[in-house]
N, C-alpha and C. Protein backbone atom coordinates (compact mmCIF):
# COMPACT_ATOMS: atom_id res chain seq x y z
N MET A 1 36.77 -33.02 -4.69
CA MET A 1 38.13 -33.67 -5.80
C MET A 1 38.56 -34.69 -5.05
N LEU A 2 38.71 -34.62 -3.48
CA LEU A 2 39.53 -35.59 -2.61
C LEU A 2 38.69 -36.89 -2.92
N GLN A 3 37.22 -37.23 -3.00
CA GLN A 3 36.55 -38.38 -2.89
C GLN A 3 36.69 -38.92 -4.30
N PHE A 4 37.05 -37.95 -5.55
CA PHE A 4 37.06 -38.28 -6.81
C PHE A 4 38.32 -39.24 -6.81
N ASN A 5 39.72 -38.58 -6.37
CA ASN A 5 40.47 -38.90 -6.22
C ASN A 5 40.73 -40.39 -5.90
N LEU A 6 40.21 -40.62 -4.60
CA LEU A 6 40.09 -41.60 -3.53
C LEU A 6 39.63 -42.57 -4.40
N PHE A 7 38.44 -42.38 -5.13
CA PHE A 7 37.69 -43.45 -5.98
C PHE A 7 38.66 -44.06 -7.18
N LYS A 8 39.60 -42.97 -7.76
CA LYS A 8 40.29 -43.55 -8.58
C LYS A 8 41.67 -44.47 -8.21
N PHE A 9 42.33 -43.83 -6.97
CA PHE A 9 43.07 -44.82 -6.43
C PHE A 9 42.80 -46.26 -6.07
N LEU A 10 41.42 -45.97 -5.30
CA LEU A 10 40.77 -47.52 -4.69
C LEU A 10 40.77 -48.29 -6.01
N GLN A 11 40.48 -47.75 -7.12
CA GLN A 11 39.91 -48.78 -8.44
C GLN A 11 41.55 -49.68 -8.83
N VAL A 12 42.40 -48.37 -9.19
CA VAL A 12 44.05 -48.93 -9.30
C VAL A 12 44.46 -50.25 -8.33
N ARG A 13 44.10 -49.98 -7.06
CA ARG A 13 44.73 -50.99 -6.43
C ARG A 13 43.75 -52.00 -6.31
N TRP A 14 42.51 -52.01 -6.65
CA TRP A 14 41.78 -53.16 -6.32
C TRP A 14 42.22 -54.06 -7.64
N TYR A 15 42.45 -53.37 -8.98
CA TYR A 15 42.82 -54.12 -10.15
C TYR A 15 43.94 -54.63 -9.78
N SER A 16 44.83 -54.28 -9.07
CA SER A 16 46.11 -55.04 -9.03
C SER A 16 46.33 -55.68 -7.89
N SER A 17 45.18 -55.94 -6.94
CA SER A 17 45.15 -57.02 -6.08
C SER A 17 45.72 -58.55 -6.27
N HIS A 18 45.90 -58.99 -5.33
CA HIS A 18 46.56 -60.32 -5.76
C HIS A 18 45.64 -61.59 -6.26
N PHE A 19 44.75 -61.63 -6.00
CA PHE A 19 43.77 -62.53 -6.55
C PHE A 19 43.77 -63.00 -8.06
N ASN A 20 43.92 -64.06 -8.34
CA ASN A 20 44.31 -64.20 -9.93
C ASN A 20 42.81 -64.75 -10.64
N MET A 21 42.09 -63.55 -10.83
CA MET A 21 40.77 -63.71 -11.40
C MET A 21 40.30 -62.19 -12.06
N LYS A 22 39.39 -62.39 -12.69
CA LYS A 22 39.09 -60.97 -13.11
C LYS A 22 38.14 -60.20 -12.19
N LYS A 23 38.67 -58.76 -12.04
CA LYS A 23 38.04 -57.87 -11.13
C LYS A 23 37.29 -56.64 -11.72
N THR A 24 36.27 -56.14 -11.35
CA THR A 24 35.60 -55.19 -11.68
C THR A 24 35.23 -54.18 -10.70
N VAL A 25 35.62 -52.89 -11.18
CA VAL A 25 34.97 -51.88 -10.04
C VAL A 25 33.56 -51.14 -10.60
N LEU A 26 32.64 -51.26 -9.96
CA LEU A 26 31.54 -50.30 -10.35
C LEU A 26 31.28 -49.22 -9.49
N VAL A 27 30.86 -48.28 -10.11
CA VAL A 27 30.61 -46.74 -9.06
C VAL A 27 29.00 -46.32 -9.42
N SER A 28 28.30 -46.55 -8.45
CA SER A 28 26.77 -46.37 -8.99
C SER A 28 26.51 -44.92 -8.91
N LYS A 29 25.80 -44.44 -9.89
CA LYS A 29 25.24 -43.09 -10.09
C LYS A 29 24.20 -42.61 -9.24
N SER A 30 23.43 -43.52 -8.72
CA SER A 30 22.79 -43.03 -7.61
C SER A 30 22.88 -42.83 -6.33
N LYS A 31 22.30 -41.91 -5.77
CA LYS A 31 22.72 -41.57 -4.36
C LYS A 31 21.64 -41.87 -3.28
N ASP A 32 20.77 -42.74 -3.99
CA ASP A 32 19.74 -43.19 -3.09
C ASP A 32 20.15 -44.67 -2.28
N ILE A 33 20.00 -44.66 -0.81
CA ILE A 33 20.69 -45.72 -0.18
C ILE A 33 19.69 -46.86 -0.25
N PHE A 34 18.50 -46.59 -0.94
CA PHE A 34 17.63 -47.90 -1.01
C PHE A 34 18.08 -48.67 -2.38
N THR A 35 18.17 -47.76 -3.14
CA THR A 35 18.96 -48.46 -4.88
C THR A 35 20.34 -49.01 -4.65
N ASN A 36 21.22 -48.44 -3.59
CA ASN A 36 22.70 -48.92 -3.73
C ASN A 36 22.65 -50.17 -2.64
N LEU A 37 21.61 -50.10 -1.69
CA LEU A 37 21.78 -51.39 -0.82
C LEU A 37 21.26 -52.64 -1.94
N ALA A 38 20.01 -52.33 -2.58
CA ALA A 38 19.32 -53.18 -3.38
C ALA A 38 20.43 -53.79 -4.56
N LEU A 39 21.26 -52.90 -5.05
CA LEU A 39 22.16 -53.30 -6.15
C LEU A 39 23.21 -54.34 -5.19
N GLU A 40 23.80 -53.92 -4.12
CA GLU A 40 24.82 -54.67 -3.47
C GLU A 40 24.01 -55.96 -2.87
N ASP A 41 22.82 -55.95 -2.47
CA ASP A 41 22.26 -57.63 -2.38
C ASP A 41 21.89 -58.39 -3.45
N TRP A 42 21.67 -57.58 -4.67
CA TRP A 42 21.17 -58.20 -6.02
C TRP A 42 22.50 -59.06 -6.31
N PHE A 43 24.04 -58.30 -6.33
CA PHE A 43 25.01 -59.08 -6.58
C PHE A 43 25.53 -60.24 -5.69
N TYR A 44 24.99 -59.91 -4.48
CA TYR A 44 25.15 -61.21 -3.64
C TYR A 44 24.57 -62.18 -3.51
N ARG A 45 23.20 -62.21 -3.95
CA ARG A 45 22.34 -63.23 -4.55
C ARG A 45 22.27 -63.98 -5.37
N ASN A 46 22.66 -62.94 -6.69
CA ASN A 46 22.43 -63.72 -8.09
C ASN A 46 23.84 -63.80 -8.72
N PHE A 47 24.80 -63.25 -8.58
CA PHE A 47 26.26 -63.22 -9.07
C PHE A 47 27.17 -64.39 -8.78
N ASN A 48 28.08 -64.62 -9.79
CA ASN A 48 28.61 -65.98 -9.88
C ASN A 48 30.05 -65.51 -9.69
N PHE A 49 30.80 -65.38 -8.35
CA PHE A 49 31.94 -64.80 -7.89
C PHE A 49 32.87 -65.64 -8.35
N GLU A 50 33.02 -66.99 -8.77
CA GLU A 50 34.05 -67.69 -8.53
C GLU A 50 35.06 -67.33 -9.12
N LYS A 51 35.08 -66.53 -10.65
CA LYS A 51 35.96 -66.00 -11.38
C LYS A 51 35.89 -64.94 -11.65
N HIS A 52 35.34 -64.02 -10.52
CA HIS A 52 34.89 -62.66 -10.82
C HIS A 52 34.47 -62.03 -9.79
N HIS A 53 35.71 -60.87 -9.20
CA HIS A 53 35.36 -60.00 -7.75
C HIS A 53 34.56 -58.71 -8.33
N ILE A 54 33.87 -57.99 -7.49
CA ILE A 54 33.46 -56.86 -7.68
C ILE A 54 33.64 -55.83 -6.58
N LEU A 55 34.15 -54.77 -6.88
CA LEU A 55 34.29 -53.72 -5.91
C LEU A 55 33.19 -52.67 -6.17
N LEU A 56 32.12 -52.35 -5.34
CA LEU A 56 31.04 -51.64 -5.58
C LEU A 56 31.12 -50.63 -4.74
N MET A 57 31.32 -49.24 -5.64
CA MET A 57 31.60 -48.03 -4.68
C MET A 57 30.09 -46.94 -4.75
N TRP A 58 30.19 -46.35 -3.90
CA TRP A 58 28.99 -45.27 -4.10
C TRP A 58 28.92 -44.51 -2.83
N GLN A 59 28.00 -43.26 -3.18
CA GLN A 59 27.68 -42.22 -1.98
C GLN A 59 26.43 -42.08 -1.98
N SER A 60 25.97 -41.66 -0.76
CA SER A 60 24.51 -41.40 -0.21
C SER A 60 24.06 -40.32 0.08
N GLU A 61 22.88 -39.76 -0.28
CA GLU A 61 22.17 -38.38 0.35
C GLU A 61 22.11 -38.82 1.92
N PRO A 62 21.91 -37.72 2.87
CA PRO A 62 22.17 -38.00 4.13
C PRO A 62 20.90 -39.32 4.68
N CYS A 63 21.58 -40.47 5.57
CA CYS A 63 20.60 -41.52 5.75
C CYS A 63 21.60 -41.71 6.81
N VAL A 64 20.36 -42.89 7.69
CA VAL A 64 20.76 -43.58 8.94
C VAL A 64 20.49 -44.94 8.54
N VAL A 65 21.91 -45.86 8.42
CA VAL A 65 21.87 -47.04 8.21
C VAL A 65 21.84 -47.84 9.25
N ILE A 66 20.66 -48.99 9.75
CA ILE A 66 21.24 -49.60 10.71
C ILE A 66 21.53 -50.98 10.54
N GLY A 67 21.96 -51.97 11.37
CA GLY A 67 22.22 -53.10 10.93
C GLY A 67 21.10 -54.19 11.12
N ARG A 68 21.44 -55.62 10.63
CA ARG A 68 19.99 -56.38 10.08
C ARG A 68 19.47 -56.50 11.53
N HIS A 69 19.88 -56.71 12.44
CA HIS A 69 19.37 -57.06 13.85
C HIS A 69 19.17 -55.84 14.81
N GLN A 70 19.26 -54.81 14.55
CA GLN A 70 19.08 -53.28 15.36
C GLN A 70 17.96 -53.09 15.63
N ASN A 71 17.47 -52.13 16.68
CA ASN A 71 16.13 -51.65 16.98
C ASN A 71 16.36 -49.90 16.41
N PRO A 72 15.76 -49.44 15.73
CA PRO A 72 15.98 -48.03 14.92
C PRO A 72 15.59 -47.23 16.17
N TYR A 73 14.51 -47.84 17.07
CA TYR A 73 14.16 -46.55 18.25
C TYR A 73 15.35 -46.44 18.88
N ILE A 74 16.32 -47.46 19.14
CA ILE A 74 17.24 -47.28 20.20
C ILE A 74 18.60 -46.86 19.54
N GLU A 75 18.67 -46.97 18.04
CA GLU A 75 19.99 -46.30 17.51
C GLU A 75 19.98 -44.97 17.00
N ALA A 76 18.50 -44.64 16.48
CA ALA A 76 18.38 -43.45 15.92
C ALA A 76 17.30 -42.35 16.45
N ASN A 77 17.84 -41.12 16.26
CA ASN A 77 16.76 -39.91 16.75
C ASN A 77 15.62 -40.14 15.49
N ILE A 78 14.60 -40.91 15.78
CA ILE A 78 13.45 -41.09 14.79
C ILE A 78 12.85 -39.95 14.60
N SER A 79 12.21 -39.39 15.62
CA SER A 79 11.45 -38.38 15.58
C SER A 79 12.06 -36.88 15.03
N GLU A 80 13.31 -37.00 14.96
CA GLU A 80 14.12 -35.66 14.65
C GLU A 80 14.84 -35.74 13.20
N LEU A 81 14.69 -37.04 12.51
CA LEU A 81 15.27 -37.27 11.29
C LEU A 81 14.85 -36.54 10.09
N LYS A 82 13.92 -36.01 10.06
CA LYS A 82 12.79 -35.27 8.94
C LYS A 82 12.97 -34.01 8.96
N ASN A 83 13.77 -33.39 10.11
CA ASN A 83 13.94 -32.14 10.52
C ASN A 83 15.67 -31.75 10.22
N ILE A 84 16.46 -32.48 10.33
CA ILE A 84 17.71 -32.48 10.55
C ILE A 84 18.37 -31.82 9.14
N THR A 85 17.87 -32.28 7.74
CA THR A 85 18.48 -31.34 6.61
C THR A 85 17.22 -31.10 6.10
N GLU A 86 17.30 -30.19 5.03
CA GLU A 86 16.17 -29.83 4.18
C GLU A 86 15.14 -30.61 3.68
N ASN A 87 15.73 -31.83 3.09
CA ASN A 87 15.23 -33.28 2.71
C ASN A 87 14.80 -34.20 3.81
N GLY A 88 15.48 -33.94 4.89
CA GLY A 88 15.34 -34.92 5.79
C GLY A 88 16.45 -35.66 5.88
N VAL A 89 16.70 -37.01 6.82
CA VAL A 89 17.30 -37.90 6.74
C VAL A 89 16.55 -38.93 7.00
N VAL A 90 17.01 -40.06 5.78
CA VAL A 90 16.36 -41.08 5.63
C VAL A 90 16.62 -42.26 6.53
N LEU A 91 15.84 -43.18 6.90
CA LEU A 91 16.37 -44.53 7.62
C LEU A 91 16.22 -45.64 6.77
N ALA A 92 17.44 -46.49 6.62
CA ALA A 92 17.34 -47.74 5.92
C ALA A 92 18.17 -48.70 7.06
N ARG A 93 17.55 -50.25 6.81
CA ARG A 93 18.30 -51.29 7.10
C ARG A 93 18.94 -52.02 5.95
N ARG A 94 20.35 -52.58 6.78
CA ARG A 94 20.81 -53.22 5.49
C ARG A 94 20.58 -54.73 5.56
N ASN A 95 21.57 -55.51 4.82
CA ASN A 95 21.25 -57.15 5.32
C ASN A 95 22.44 -57.68 6.10
N SER A 96 23.37 -56.80 6.41
CA SER A 96 24.74 -57.23 7.11
C SER A 96 24.45 -56.79 8.49
N GLY A 97 25.14 -57.56 9.49
CA GLY A 97 25.19 -57.19 10.75
C GLY A 97 26.14 -55.95 11.13
N GLY A 98 26.44 -55.75 12.36
CA GLY A 98 26.98 -54.69 12.82
C GLY A 98 26.46 -53.59 13.26
N GLY A 99 26.85 -52.22 13.53
CA GLY A 99 26.44 -51.09 14.16
C GLY A 99 25.68 -50.24 13.01
N THR A 100 25.27 -49.23 13.62
CA THR A 100 24.61 -48.09 13.02
C THR A 100 25.38 -47.10 12.65
N VAL A 101 25.32 -46.58 11.47
CA VAL A 101 26.22 -45.21 10.97
C VAL A 101 25.20 -44.42 9.93
N TYR A 102 26.03 -43.10 9.75
CA TYR A 102 25.66 -42.23 9.22
C TYR A 102 26.42 -42.24 7.89
N HIS A 103 25.14 -41.79 6.75
CA HIS A 103 25.85 -41.65 5.56
C HIS A 103 25.33 -39.85 5.14
N ASP A 104 26.38 -39.61 4.20
CA ASP A 104 26.13 -38.31 3.09
C ASP A 104 26.94 -38.01 2.55
N ASN A 105 26.90 -37.09 1.73
CA ASN A 105 27.79 -37.14 0.57
C ASN A 105 29.41 -36.70 0.84
N GLY A 106 29.76 -36.89 2.23
CA GLY A 106 31.02 -36.82 2.60
C GLY A 106 31.70 -38.10 2.97
N ASN A 107 30.93 -39.42 2.63
CA ASN A 107 30.91 -40.65 2.90
C ASN A 107 31.30 -41.15 1.58
N LEU A 108 32.52 -42.09 1.46
CA LEU A 108 32.68 -43.09 0.35
C LEU A 108 32.00 -44.44 1.05
N ASN A 109 31.37 -45.25 0.43
CA ASN A 109 30.73 -46.39 0.86
C ASN A 109 31.36 -47.45 -0.30
N LEU A 110 31.90 -48.17 0.50
CA LEU A 110 32.77 -49.56 -0.49
C LEU A 110 32.40 -51.05 -0.09
N SER A 111 31.81 -51.78 -1.11
CA SER A 111 31.45 -53.06 -0.76
C SER A 111 32.27 -54.02 -1.65
N PHE A 112 32.95 -54.87 -0.84
CA PHE A 112 34.08 -55.89 -1.87
C PHE A 112 33.06 -57.29 -1.89
N LEU A 113 32.83 -57.31 -3.14
CA LEU A 113 31.93 -58.78 -3.28
C LEU A 113 32.72 -59.82 -4.05
N THR A 114 32.64 -61.15 -2.96
CA THR A 114 33.63 -62.16 -3.41
C THR A 114 33.29 -63.51 -3.37
N ARG A 115 33.56 -64.71 -3.68
CA ARG A 115 33.14 -65.81 -3.03
C ARG A 115 33.27 -65.93 -1.48
N ARG A 116 32.73 -66.90 -0.67
CA ARG A 116 33.03 -66.94 0.81
C ARG A 116 34.42 -67.24 0.99
N GLU A 117 35.03 -68.28 0.00
CA GLU A 117 36.29 -68.75 0.51
C GLU A 117 37.37 -67.54 0.15
N CYS A 118 36.91 -67.09 -0.69
CA CYS A 118 37.51 -65.77 -0.70
C CYS A 118 37.64 -64.47 0.04
N TYR A 119 36.72 -64.55 0.95
CA TYR A 119 36.48 -63.36 1.88
C TYR A 119 37.94 -62.91 2.80
N ASP A 120 38.19 -61.62 2.70
CA ASP A 120 39.54 -61.36 3.29
C ASP A 120 39.24 -60.13 3.69
N ARG A 121 38.74 -59.65 4.79
CA ARG A 121 38.38 -58.18 5.28
C ARG A 121 39.72 -57.32 5.67
N THR A 122 40.83 -57.92 6.23
CA THR A 122 41.95 -57.52 6.61
C THR A 122 42.58 -56.95 5.31
N TYR A 123 42.66 -57.84 4.00
CA TYR A 123 43.32 -57.66 2.75
C TYR A 123 42.08 -56.22 2.33
N ASN A 124 41.09 -56.21 2.55
CA ASN A 124 40.13 -55.31 1.43
C ASN A 124 40.39 -53.82 2.40
N LEU A 125 40.57 -53.87 3.65
CA LEU A 125 41.14 -52.44 4.41
C LEU A 125 42.53 -52.23 4.44
N LYS A 126 43.50 -53.16 3.97
CA LYS A 126 44.53 -52.46 3.46
C LYS A 126 44.74 -51.90 2.06
N ILE A 127 43.60 -52.27 1.04
CA ILE A 127 43.72 -51.52 -0.14
C ILE A 127 43.07 -50.15 0.13
N ILE A 128 42.19 -49.88 1.18
CA ILE A 128 41.90 -48.36 1.58
C ILE A 128 42.79 -47.94 2.05
N VAL A 129 43.68 -48.21 3.10
CA VAL A 129 44.73 -47.81 3.79
C VAL A 129 45.86 -47.16 2.90
N GLU A 130 46.20 -48.14 1.69
CA GLU A 130 47.34 -47.90 0.83
C GLU A 130 46.64 -46.92 0.06
N ALA A 131 45.50 -46.71 -0.40
CA ALA A 131 44.76 -45.55 -1.38
C ALA A 131 44.89 -44.35 -0.83
N VAL A 132 44.58 -44.66 0.66
CA VAL A 132 44.67 -43.14 1.06
C VAL A 132 45.82 -42.50 1.61
N LYS A 133 47.06 -43.20 1.93
CA LYS A 133 48.28 -43.14 1.87
C LYS A 133 48.88 -42.34 0.67
N LYS A 134 48.50 -43.16 -0.35
CA LYS A 134 48.83 -42.68 -1.75
C LYS A 134 47.88 -41.24 -2.56
N GLU A 135 46.81 -40.92 -2.21
CA GLU A 135 46.22 -39.82 -2.30
C GLU A 135 46.43 -38.82 -1.47
N CYS A 136 46.52 -38.87 0.14
CA CYS A 136 46.37 -37.95 1.07
C CYS A 136 47.64 -37.90 1.91
N ASP A 137 48.85 -38.94 1.63
CA ASP A 137 49.86 -39.13 2.65
C ASP A 137 49.33 -38.70 4.21
N ILE A 138 48.18 -39.63 4.53
CA ILE A 138 47.75 -39.96 5.27
C ILE A 138 47.78 -41.25 5.94
N HIS A 139 48.35 -41.71 7.08
CA HIS A 139 48.48 -43.03 7.30
C HIS A 139 47.52 -43.29 8.56
N ILE A 140 46.67 -44.38 8.01
CA ILE A 140 45.68 -45.18 8.77
C ILE A 140 45.72 -46.59 9.56
N ASP A 141 45.61 -46.71 10.67
CA ASP A 141 46.00 -48.00 10.97
C ASP A 141 44.57 -49.01 11.40
N ILE A 142 44.74 -50.22 11.22
CA ILE A 142 43.72 -51.11 11.31
C ILE A 142 43.37 -51.79 12.99
N ASN A 143 42.74 -51.37 13.61
CA ASN A 143 42.50 -51.78 14.77
C ASN A 143 41.91 -53.26 15.09
N LYS A 144 41.93 -53.49 16.36
CA LYS A 144 41.54 -54.68 16.64
C LYS A 144 39.98 -55.39 16.14
N ARG A 145 39.28 -54.46 16.23
CA ARG A 145 37.87 -54.54 15.93
C ARG A 145 37.80 -54.56 14.18
N GLU A 146 38.84 -54.32 13.55
CA GLU A 146 39.17 -53.76 12.04
C GLU A 146 38.36 -52.76 11.63
N ASP A 147 38.35 -51.66 12.61
CA ASP A 147 38.03 -50.42 12.02
C ASP A 147 39.31 -49.75 11.55
N LEU A 148 38.96 -48.89 10.71
CA LEU A 148 40.10 -47.77 10.49
C LEU A 148 40.11 -46.64 11.31
N VAL A 149 41.44 -46.76 11.85
CA VAL A 149 41.78 -45.09 12.83
C VAL A 149 42.95 -44.68 12.59
N ILE A 150 42.68 -43.34 13.01
CA ILE A 150 43.84 -42.24 13.00
C ILE A 150 43.78 -41.61 14.45
N ASN A 151 45.26 -41.95 14.95
CA ASN A 151 45.36 -41.85 16.52
C ASN A 151 43.96 -41.87 17.23
N ASP A 152 43.63 -43.16 17.40
CA ASP A 152 42.30 -43.96 18.07
C ASP A 152 41.06 -43.26 17.62
N CYS A 153 41.15 -42.29 16.59
CA CYS A 153 39.70 -41.76 16.15
C CYS A 153 39.49 -42.46 14.91
N LYS A 154 38.46 -42.79 14.55
CA LYS A 154 37.64 -43.73 13.88
C LYS A 154 37.26 -43.15 12.52
N VAL A 155 37.99 -43.40 11.24
CA VAL A 155 37.68 -42.82 9.70
C VAL A 155 36.53 -44.09 8.92
N SER A 156 36.50 -45.13 9.58
CA SER A 156 35.72 -46.26 8.92
C SER A 156 35.23 -47.32 9.58
N GLY A 157 33.97 -47.53 9.70
CA GLY A 157 33.52 -49.01 10.20
C GLY A 157 33.34 -49.60 9.13
N THR A 158 33.20 -51.26 9.63
CA THR A 158 33.03 -51.75 8.90
C THR A 158 32.12 -53.23 9.24
N ALA A 159 31.82 -54.18 8.22
CA ALA A 159 30.39 -55.02 8.48
C ALA A 159 30.73 -56.02 7.20
N ALA A 160 29.69 -57.07 7.53
CA ALA A 160 30.08 -58.22 6.36
C ALA A 160 28.61 -59.10 6.30
N LYS A 161 28.35 -59.74 5.66
CA LYS A 161 27.61 -60.76 5.18
C LYS A 161 28.45 -61.81 4.47
N LEU A 162 28.22 -63.09 5.40
CA LEU A 162 28.95 -64.11 4.93
C LEU A 162 28.00 -65.35 4.85
N GLY A 163 27.73 -65.64 3.31
CA GLY A 163 26.76 -66.67 3.33
C GLY A 163 27.35 -68.13 2.05
N ARG A 164 26.51 -68.70 1.75
CA ARG A 164 27.15 -69.52 0.71
C ARG A 164 26.62 -69.49 -0.21
N PRO A 165 27.11 -69.52 -1.86
CA PRO A 165 28.63 -69.40 -1.93
C PRO A 165 29.04 -68.02 -1.84
N ASN A 166 28.36 -66.65 -1.81
CA ASN A 166 29.05 -65.34 -1.85
C ASN A 166 29.05 -65.18 -0.45
N SER A 167 29.82 -63.60 -0.30
CA SER A 167 30.15 -62.85 0.67
C SER A 167 30.58 -61.68 0.45
N TYR A 168 29.95 -60.56 1.03
CA TYR A 168 31.04 -59.15 1.02
C TYR A 168 31.25 -59.06 2.52
N HIS A 169 32.08 -57.90 2.18
CA HIS A 169 32.43 -56.76 3.19
C HIS A 169 32.26 -55.45 2.40
N HIS A 170 31.61 -54.57 3.65
CA HIS A 170 31.45 -53.53 3.15
C HIS A 170 31.73 -52.23 4.29
N CYS A 171 32.18 -51.24 3.83
CA CYS A 171 32.59 -50.03 5.19
C CYS A 171 32.33 -48.68 4.70
N THR A 172 32.39 -47.88 5.33
CA THR A 172 32.04 -46.36 5.13
C THR A 172 33.51 -45.77 5.19
N LEU A 173 34.01 -44.68 4.44
CA LEU A 173 35.01 -44.18 4.90
C LEU A 173 34.48 -42.42 4.81
N LEU A 174 35.00 -41.89 6.24
CA LEU A 174 34.78 -40.62 6.57
C LEU A 174 35.78 -39.42 5.65
N VAL A 175 35.23 -38.96 4.72
CA VAL A 175 35.85 -37.74 3.83
C VAL A 175 35.75 -36.67 4.26
N ASN A 176 34.62 -36.23 4.17
CA ASN A 176 34.07 -34.96 4.88
C ASN A 176 32.68 -35.15 5.53
N VAL A 177 32.32 -36.06 6.21
CA VAL A 177 31.24 -36.05 6.41
C VAL A 177 30.51 -34.86 7.55
N ASN A 178 29.38 -34.71 7.60
CA ASN A 178 28.84 -33.59 8.34
C ASN A 178 28.51 -34.04 9.60
N LYS A 179 29.43 -33.61 10.69
CA LYS A 179 29.40 -34.57 11.98
C LYS A 179 28.54 -33.80 12.56
N GLU A 180 27.96 -32.67 12.78
CA GLU A 180 26.81 -32.14 13.29
C GLU A 180 25.53 -32.60 13.10
N ASN A 181 25.05 -33.12 11.74
CA ASN A 181 24.24 -33.52 11.41
C ASN A 181 24.08 -35.41 11.65
N LEU A 182 25.27 -36.07 11.63
CA LEU A 182 25.71 -37.27 12.25
C LEU A 182 25.29 -37.54 13.78
N SER A 183 25.86 -36.31 14.46
CA SER A 183 25.37 -36.19 16.04
C SER A 183 24.01 -36.26 16.27
N LYS A 184 23.25 -35.64 15.47
CA LYS A 184 21.72 -35.38 15.54
C LYS A 184 20.88 -36.41 15.13
N SER A 185 21.77 -37.11 14.43
CA SER A 185 20.81 -38.08 13.90
C SER A 185 20.70 -39.95 14.60
N LEU A 186 22.00 -39.70 15.49
CA LEU A 186 22.06 -40.83 16.16
C LEU A 186 22.07 -40.56 17.36
N LYS A 187 21.44 -41.44 18.57
CA LYS A 187 21.09 -41.52 20.06
C LYS A 187 22.72 -41.39 20.38
N LYS A 188 22.96 -40.60 21.24
CA LYS A 188 24.08 -40.20 21.85
C LYS A 188 24.57 -41.37 22.77
N LEU A 189 23.71 -42.14 23.33
CA LEU A 189 24.10 -43.27 24.39
C LEU A 189 24.68 -44.35 23.44
N ILE A 190 24.29 -44.24 22.38
CA ILE A 190 24.93 -45.64 21.09
C ILE A 190 25.83 -44.92 20.81
N TYR A 191 25.97 -43.59 20.44
CA TYR A 191 26.94 -43.22 19.28
C TYR A 191 27.31 -41.87 20.05
N PRO A 192 28.27 -42.24 21.15
CA PRO A 192 28.90 -40.92 21.77
C PRO A 192 30.04 -40.38 21.60
N PHE A 193 30.77 -40.62 20.21
CA PHE A 193 31.69 -40.14 20.29
C PHE A 193 31.93 -39.44 18.71
N LYS A 194 31.41 -38.45 19.11
CA LYS A 194 31.29 -37.45 17.73
C LYS A 194 32.93 -36.77 17.95
N ARG A 195 33.64 -36.71 18.87
CA ARG A 195 34.96 -36.18 19.05
C ARG A 195 35.88 -37.02 18.61
N LYS A 196 35.60 -38.53 18.63
CA LYS A 196 36.38 -39.69 18.19
C LYS A 196 36.53 -40.13 16.73
N LEU A 197 35.40 -39.33 16.08
CA LEU A 197 35.34 -39.60 14.63
C LEU A 197 36.55 -38.87 13.92
N GLN A 198 37.40 -38.97 12.77
CA GLN A 198 37.91 -38.02 12.29
C GLN A 198 37.65 -37.99 10.50
N ASN A 199 37.64 -36.88 10.10
CA ASN A 199 36.98 -36.63 8.25
C ASN A 199 38.60 -36.61 7.97
N LEU A 200 39.50 -37.61 6.75
CA LEU A 200 40.35 -37.26 5.91
C LEU A 200 40.46 -35.90 5.79
N TYR A 201 39.43 -35.11 5.33
CA TYR A 201 39.54 -33.47 4.93
C TYR A 201 40.08 -32.77 5.94
N ASP A 202 40.03 -33.28 7.38
CA ASP A 202 40.68 -32.28 7.84
C ASP A 202 41.87 -32.28 8.33
N LEU A 203 42.53 -33.35 7.79
CA LEU A 203 44.01 -33.87 7.86
C LEU A 203 44.59 -33.29 6.61
N LYS A 204 44.08 -32.78 5.47
CA LYS A 204 44.70 -32.27 4.61
C LYS A 204 45.55 -31.12 4.80
């Protein structure tokens, strides 16, 4: 229910954003990480965002998603992924930079797709902050790295793809992620801060 309500408030906030152009919210029905990354990439490569911006939202079955230039053997426990959940944890690579993240049904994933000149990461993050405040009455800060944090605990990571003419900024939002599976999936030397992650659900 919390994820559903956040979807709703994010849609409302996106439609009321300040850009004077058509805006659309798309919610993927797929929970396959490859399908959703391909959908995001298709819009980035093919859609005309000159007068039309898109917010794409989705959730994924358990997976590890590495950045464009990352080494999976350094970032993830490759040999253990198949054993962590009943159906295993899938490994995927996205086209943006940034760090490695873990997804499951406790994440909300958001992609803000616009023309390059309209790219505004801070503004996008403020949309999330306002939606969470309205739905959950939880205050989130945006730190210097443009992560979303609560009392220095991370609730969202962020990355981007900046091209010509299009761009996107995407992020994960930890609503009720399985921290134990996250910890098992990622190398502790790279991702040592299980204690520094915060699910929104735990604050309700």
